[in-house]
């Protein structure tokens, strides 16, 4: 389930999400993000958001990876156009993200 906006959920789905969160927090249900990776991409620095997501993923037995603009050449068209060979950082980052990050 992808949640982009709480308004996308039906009342039943929202209750299910909140009930599951309460069960995990109370220790009645085990976290289910083992072997899952969250790729975080920010256009602007966001320390609080990054640390919050890293902490949450760790608490749920997952892993978080921060990819900054310099890592993925965000907004740098010259780097993107010159960095497309199979061994390049862009190609490597794209391959890594596509193989380990679920939508």
Protein backbone atom coordinates (compact mmCIF):
# COMPACT_ATOMS: atom_id res chain seq x y z
CA UNK A 1 0.00 0.00 0.00
CA UNK A 2 1.32 3.42 -0.94
CA UNK A 3 -0.06 6.32 1.07
CA UNK A 4 0.57 9.69 -0.51
CA UNK A 5 -2.34 11.49 1.13
CA UNK A 6 -4.53 10.46 4.05
CA UNK A 7 -7.54 11.45 1.93
CA UNK A 8 -6.68 8.54 -0.41
CA UNK A 9 -7.67 6.07 2.34
CA UNK A 10 -11.17 4.87 3.08
CA UNK A 11 -12.21 5.13 6.75
CA UNK A 12 -11.74 1.35 7.06
CA UNK A 13 -8.21 1.50 5.61
CA UNK A 14 -7.29 4.39 7.91
CA UNK A 15 -8.52 2.45 10.95
CA UNK A 16 -6.55 -0.62 9.81
CA UNK A 17 -3.34 1.44 9.46
CA UNK A 18 -3.79 3.06 12.88
CA UNK A 19 -4.70 -0.27 14.55
CA UNK A 20 -1.60 -1.92 13.11
CA UNK A 21 0.61 1.00 14.19
CA UNK A 22 -0.79 0.74 17.73
CA UNK A 23 -0.20 -3.04 17.79
CA UNK A 24 3.42 -2.63 16.66
CA UNK A 25 4.04 0.15 19.17
CA UNK A 26 2.55 -1.94 21.99
CA UNK A 27 4.66 -4.96 21.01
CA UNK A 28 1.68 -7.14 20.04
CA UNK A 29 2.82 -7.33 16.43
CA UNK A 30 6.35 -7.63 15.05
CA UNK A 31 7.66 -4.99 12.63
CA UNK A 32 7.49 -6.14 9.03
CA UNK A 33 10.14 -4.07 7.27
CA UNK A 34 12.92 -6.64 7.61
CA UNK A 35 14.99 -6.77 4.43
CA UNK A 36 13.29 -3.61 3.14
CA UNK A 37 15.12 -0.44 2.12
CA UNK A 38 13.73 3.08 1.99
CA UNK A 39 15.47 5.41 -0.48
CA UNK A 40 15.08 9.02 0.60
CA UNK A 41 15.54 11.70 -2.03
CA UNK A 42 15.29 15.35 -1.01
CA UNK A 43 15.62 18.39 -3.25
CA UNK A 44 16.52 20.51 -0.21
CA UNK A 45 18.22 19.51 3.06
CA UNK A 46 15.75 18.23 5.65
CA UNK A 47 17.62 16.94 8.67
CA UNK A 48 14.59 16.40 10.91
CA UNK A 49 12.67 14.50 8.24
CA UNK A 50 15.69 12.41 7.24
CA UNK A 51 16.53 11.49 10.84
CA UNK A 52 12.88 10.72 11.62
CA UNK A 53 12.60 8.33 8.67
CA UNK A 54 15.99 6.72 9.42
CA UNK A 55 14.94 6.18 13.05
CA UNK A 56 11.55 4.79 12.08
CA UNK A 57 13.00 2.37 9.55
CA UNK A 58 15.57 1.16 12.09
CA UNK A 59 12.89 0.66 14.74
CA UNK A 60 10.86 -1.38 12.24
CA UNK A 61 13.89 -3.55 11.32
CA UNK A 62 14.33 -1.88 7.92
CA UNK A 63 17.11 0.22 6.43
CA UNK A 64 17.07 3.79 5.12
CA UNK A 65 19.39 5.27 2.50
CA UNK A 66 19.68 9.01 1.93
CA UNK A 67 20.44 10.07 -1.63
CA UNK A 68 21.30 13.75 -1.89
CA UNK A 69 21.29 15.88 -5.03
CA UNK A 70 25.03 15.24 -5.50
CA UNK A 71 24.43 11.47 -5.36
CA UNK A 72 21.79 11.39 -8.10
CA UNK A 73 22.70 14.59 -9.96
CA UNK A 74 19.29 16.11 -9.21
CA UNK A 75 18.81 19.23 -11.26
CA UNK A 76 22.18 18.90 -13.00
CA UNK A 77 21.38 18.20 -16.64
CA UNK A 78 25.04 18.32 -17.73
CA UNK A 79 25.99 15.61 -15.21
CA UNK A 80 23.02 13.49 -16.25
CA UNK A 81 23.87 13.74 -19.94
CA UNK A 82 27.56 12.93 -19.49
CA UNK A 83 27.09 10.25 -16.86
CA UNK A 84 25.13 7.57 -18.67
CA UNK A 85 27.75 4.92 -19.32
CA UNK A 86 27.11 1.55 -17.60
CA UNK A 87 29.81 2.14 -14.99
CA UNK A 88 28.77 5.68 -14.15
CA UNK A 89 27.39 6.85 -10.82
CA UNK A 90 24.00 7.63 -12.37
CA UNK A 91 23.66 4.21 -13.97
CA UNK A 92 24.89 2.49 -10.80
CA UNK A 93 22.54 4.49 -8.57
CA UNK A 94 19.60 3.82 -10.87
CA UNK A 95 20.35 0.10 -10.99
CA UNK A 96 20.72 -0.09 -7.21
CA UNK A 97 17.52 1.82 -6.59
CA UNK A 98 15.47 -0.20 -9.06
CA UNK A 99 16.61 -3.53 -7.63
CA UNK A 100 16.17 -2.78 -3.95
CA UNK A 101 13.44 -0.17 -3.58
CA UNK A 102 9.78 -1.07 -3.89
CA UNK A 103 7.10 1.40 -4.79
